[in-house]
Amino acid sequence: QLRVVDYNRIGDVSQSLHIGVIAQEVEEVLPDLVSDYKYNNEENKKSVKMGDMLPTLVKAIQEQQAMIEELEARVKKLEKNK
């Protein structure tokens, strides 16, 4: 459900390209991983706690791997029954 995007940081003179996620989109799916901070006197910004996202990603990969292994076993069983 999360979109990975390329972006340039505002004010970054090097104009180097970064890869990340959009905090507002993450907040819809994983609200605990997003925090607000005071950007300046007029506006607040949102940021993603990327370090805290790692365990969530590892768990998702583990769940996906279990699904893959289950499907592989089902395919093998079906191929034997032909």
N, C-alpha and C. Protein backbone atom coordinates (compact mmCIF):
# COMPACT_ATOMS: atom_id res chain seq x y z
N GLN A 1 0.80 -1.20 0.00
CA GLN A 1 0.00 0.00 0.00
C GLN A 1 0.85 1.27 0.00
N LEU A 2 2.15 1.12 0.21
CA LEU A 2 3.02 2.30 0.25
C LEU A 2 3.73 2.48 -1.08
N ARG A 3 3.80 3.70 -1.49
CA ARG A 3 4.44 4.06 -2.74
C ARG A 3 5.86 4.56 -2.46
N VAL A 4 6.84 4.05 -3.18
CA VAL A 4 8.22 4.52 -3.08
C VAL A 4 8.41 5.58 -4.15
N VAL A 5 8.99 6.73 -3.76
CA VAL A 5 9.14 7.86 -4.68
C VAL A 5 10.58 8.37 -4.68
N ASP A 6 10.95 8.97 -5.80
CA ASP A 6 12.21 9.71 -5.91
C ASP A 6 11.90 11.17 -5.66
N TYR A 7 12.79 11.88 -4.95
CA TYR A 7 12.54 13.29 -4.67
C TYR A 7 13.85 14.04 -4.45
N ASN A 8 13.78 15.34 -4.56
CA ASN A 8 14.87 16.23 -4.21
C ASN A 8 14.45 16.99 -2.95
N ARG A 9 15.35 17.13 -2.01
CA ARG A 9 15.04 17.87 -0.79
C ARG A 9 15.03 19.36 -1.08
N ILE A 10 14.04 20.04 -0.52
CA ILE A 10 13.96 21.49 -0.66
C ILE A 10 15.18 22.11 0.00
N GLY A 11 15.85 22.99 -0.71
CA GLY A 11 17.03 23.66 -0.17
C GLY A 11 18.32 22.89 -0.30
N ASP A 12 18.28 21.70 -0.87
CA ASP A 12 19.48 20.89 -1.05
C ASP A 12 20.22 21.40 -2.28
N VAL A 13 21.34 22.08 -2.06
CA VAL A 13 22.08 22.69 -3.18
C VAL A 13 22.72 21.65 -4.08
N SER A 14 22.94 20.44 -3.58
CA SER A 14 23.57 19.41 -4.40
C SER A 14 22.59 18.83 -5.43
N GLN A 15 21.29 19.06 -5.21
CA GLN A 15 20.24 18.53 -6.09
C GLN A 15 20.31 17.02 -6.23
N SER A 16 20.84 16.35 -5.20
CA SER A 16 20.92 14.88 -5.28
C SER A 16 19.53 14.27 -5.10
N LEU A 17 19.33 13.17 -5.79
CA LEU A 17 18.04 12.49 -5.78
C LEU A 17 17.98 11.55 -4.58
N HIS A 18 16.85 11.57 -3.88
CA HIS A 18 16.63 10.69 -2.73
C HIS A 18 15.48 9.75 -3.04
N ILE A 19 15.43 8.66 -2.32
CA ILE A 19 14.34 7.70 -2.47
C ILE A 19 13.68 7.57 -1.10
N GLY A 20 12.36 7.59 -1.09
CA GLY A 20 11.67 7.48 0.19
C GLY A 20 10.19 7.25 -0.01
N VAL A 21 9.44 7.56 1.05
CA VAL A 21 8.00 7.42 1.05
C VAL A 21 7.40 8.75 1.47
N ILE A 22 6.12 8.94 1.20
CA ILE A 22 5.45 10.18 1.56
C ILE A 22 4.78 9.99 2.91
N ALA A 23 5.13 10.86 3.85
CA ALA A 23 4.66 10.73 5.23
C ALA A 23 3.14 10.65 5.32
N GLN A 24 2.44 11.46 4.56
CA GLN A 24 0.98 11.46 4.62
C GLN A 24 0.40 10.12 4.17
N GLU A 25 1.04 9.46 3.22
CA GLU A 25 0.59 8.15 2.76
C GLU A 25 0.90 7.08 3.80
N VAL A 26 2.08 7.17 4.41
CA VAL A 26 2.45 6.22 5.46
C VAL A 26 1.50 6.37 6.64
N GLU A 27 1.15 7.60 6.96
CA GLU A 27 0.27 7.88 8.10
C GLU A 27 -1.09 7.18 7.97
N GLU A 28 -1.57 7.03 6.75
CA GLU A 28 -2.85 6.35 6.52
C GLU A 28 -2.77 4.86 6.85
N VAL A 29 -1.59 4.27 6.65
CA VAL A 29 -1.43 2.82 6.83
C VAL A 29 -0.77 2.49 8.17
N LEU A 30 0.26 3.25 8.52
CA LEU A 30 1.04 2.99 9.74
C LEU A 30 1.21 4.31 10.51
N PRO A 31 0.18 4.80 11.15
CA PRO A 31 0.23 6.13 11.78
C PRO A 31 1.30 6.27 12.86
N ASP A 32 1.66 5.18 13.53
CA ASP A 32 2.67 5.26 14.59
C ASP A 32 4.06 5.58 14.05
N LEU A 33 4.25 5.43 12.75
CA LEU A 33 5.57 5.67 12.16
C LEU A 33 5.75 7.10 11.66
N VAL A 34 4.76 7.96 11.89
CA VAL A 34 4.82 9.34 11.40
C VAL A 34 4.75 10.28 12.59
N SER A 35 5.60 11.31 12.53
CA SER A 35 5.55 12.33 13.58
C SER A 35 5.50 13.71 12.95
N ASP A 36 4.99 14.66 13.70
CA ASP A 36 4.93 16.06 13.27
C ASP A 36 6.09 16.81 13.91
N TYR A 37 6.64 17.75 13.20
CA TYR A 37 7.67 18.62 13.79
C TYR A 37 7.49 20.04 13.28
N LYS A 38 7.96 20.98 14.07
CA LYS A 38 7.85 22.39 13.72
C LYS A 38 8.94 22.73 12.70
N TYR A 39 8.54 23.00 11.48
CA TYR A 39 9.48 23.31 10.40
C TYR A 39 10.00 24.73 10.53
N ASN A 40 9.10 25.66 10.76
CA ASN A 40 9.45 27.06 11.02
C ASN A 40 8.31 27.67 11.82
N ASN A 41 8.31 28.98 12.00
CA ASN A 41 7.26 29.62 12.80
C ASN A 41 5.88 29.51 12.18
N GLU A 42 5.80 29.31 10.88
CA GLU A 42 4.50 29.29 10.21
C GLU A 42 3.96 27.90 9.91
N GLU A 43 4.84 26.91 9.79
CA GLU A 43 4.33 25.61 9.36
C GLU A 43 4.98 24.43 10.06
N ASN A 44 4.20 23.37 10.14
CA ASN A 44 4.67 22.10 10.65
C ASN A 44 4.86 21.14 9.47
N LYS A 45 5.71 20.16 9.66
CA LYS A 45 5.93 19.14 8.64
C LYS A 45 5.75 17.77 9.27
N LYS A 46 5.65 16.77 8.45
CA LYS A 46 5.55 15.38 8.90
C LYS A 46 6.83 14.66 8.49
N SER A 47 7.24 13.72 9.32
CA SER A 47 8.41 12.91 8.97
C SER A 47 8.12 11.45 9.31
N VAL A 48 8.77 10.58 8.58
CA VAL A 48 8.62 9.14 8.79
C VAL A 48 9.80 8.65 9.62
N LYS A 49 9.49 7.87 10.64
CA LYS A 49 10.53 7.26 11.47
C LYS A 49 11.03 6.02 10.73
N MET A 50 11.97 6.24 9.80
CA MET A 50 12.41 5.16 8.92
C MET A 50 13.03 3.99 9.70
N GLY A 51 13.75 4.28 10.76
CA GLY A 51 14.34 3.21 11.57
C GLY A 51 13.28 2.32 12.18
N ASP A 52 12.18 2.92 12.58
CA ASP A 52 11.08 2.14 13.15
C ASP A 52 10.32 1.37 12.09
N MET A 53 10.48 1.75 10.84
CA MET A 53 9.79 1.06 9.76
C MET A 53 10.45 -0.30 9.46
N LEU A 54 11.73 -0.43 9.75
CA LEU A 54 12.45 -1.66 9.43
C LEU A 54 11.83 -2.93 10.02
N PRO A 55 11.49 -2.97 11.30
CA PRO A 55 10.88 -4.19 11.82
C PRO A 55 9.55 -4.52 11.12
N THR A 56 8.79 -3.50 10.76
CA THR A 56 7.53 -3.72 10.05
C THR A 56 7.80 -4.34 8.69
N LEU A 57 8.83 -3.86 7.99
CA LEU A 57 9.18 -4.41 6.69
C LEU A 57 9.70 -5.84 6.80
N VAL A 58 10.51 -6.11 7.81
CA VAL A 58 11.03 -7.46 8.01
C VAL A 58 9.88 -8.43 8.25
N LYS A 59 8.92 -8.03 9.09
CA LYS A 59 7.76 -8.89 9.36
C LYS A 59 6.96 -9.15 8.09
N ALA A 60 6.78 -8.12 7.28
CA ALA A 60 6.04 -8.28 6.02
C ALA A 60 6.77 -9.25 5.09
N ILE A 61 8.09 -9.16 5.03
CA ILE A 61 8.88 -10.07 4.19
C ILE A 61 8.75 -11.50 4.70
N GLN A 62 8.79 -11.67 6.03
CA GLN A 62 8.65 -13.01 6.59
C GLN A 62 7.28 -13.61 6.26
N GLU A 63 6.23 -12.80 6.38
CA GLU A 63 4.88 -13.28 6.05
C GLU A 63 4.77 -13.62 4.56
N GLN A 64 5.38 -12.79 3.73
CA GLN A 64 5.35 -13.04 2.30
C GLN A 64 6.11 -14.32 1.96
N GLN A 65 7.25 -14.54 2.62
CA GLN A 65 8.04 -15.75 2.38
C GLN A 65 7.26 -16.99 2.77
N ALA A 66 6.53 -16.93 3.87
CA ALA A 66 5.71 -18.06 4.30
C ALA A 66 4.64 -18.36 3.25
N MET A 67 4.04 -17.33 2.69
CA MET A 67 3.03 -17.51 1.64
C MET A 67 3.66 -18.15 0.40
N ILE A 68 4.84 -17.69 0.02
CA ILE A 68 5.53 -18.24 -1.15
C ILE A 68 5.81 -19.73 -0.94
N GLU A 69 6.32 -20.08 0.25
CA GLU A 69 6.64 -21.48 0.53
C GLU A 69 5.39 -22.35 0.52
N GLU A 70 4.29 -21.82 1.05
CA GLU A 70 3.03 -22.57 1.04
C GLU A 70 2.56 -22.78 -0.40
N LEU A 71 2.64 -21.76 -1.22
CA LEU A 71 2.22 -21.88 -2.62
C LEU A 71 3.12 -22.83 -3.39
N GLU A 72 4.42 -22.80 -3.12
CA GLU A 72 5.33 -23.72 -3.78
C GLU A 72 4.99 -25.17 -3.43
N ALA A 73 4.66 -25.41 -2.17
CA ALA A 73 4.30 -26.76 -1.74
C ALA A 73 3.01 -27.21 -2.44
N ARG A 74 2.05 -26.30 -2.56
CA ARG A 74 0.80 -26.64 -3.24
C ARG A 74 1.03 -26.94 -4.72
N VAL A 75 1.90 -26.17 -5.35
CA VAL A 75 2.21 -26.40 -6.77
C VAL A 75 2.87 -27.77 -6.94
N LYS A 76 3.84 -28.08 -6.08
CA LYS A 76 4.51 -29.39 -6.16
C LYS A 76 3.50 -30.53 -6.01
N LYS A 77 2.59 -30.38 -5.05
CA LYS A 77 1.57 -31.41 -4.82
C LYS A 77 0.68 -31.57 -6.04
N LEU A 78 0.26 -30.45 -6.64
CA LEU A 78 -0.58 -30.50 -7.83
C LEU A 78 0.16 -31.12 -9.01
N GLU A 79 1.45 -30.82 -9.15
CA GLU A 79 2.23 -31.38 -10.26
C GLU A 79 2.41 -32.90 -10.09
N LYS A 80 2.52 -33.37 -8.85
CA LYS A 80 2.64 -34.82 -8.62
C LYS A 80 1.35 -35.55 -8.97
N ASN A 81 0.23 -34.89 -8.79
CA ASN A 81 -1.08 -35.52 -9.03
C ASN A 81 -1.47 -35.54 -10.50
N LYS A 82 -0.67 -35.04 -11.38
CA LYS A 82 -1.02 -35.02 -12.81
C LYS A 82 -0.94 -36.40 -13.41
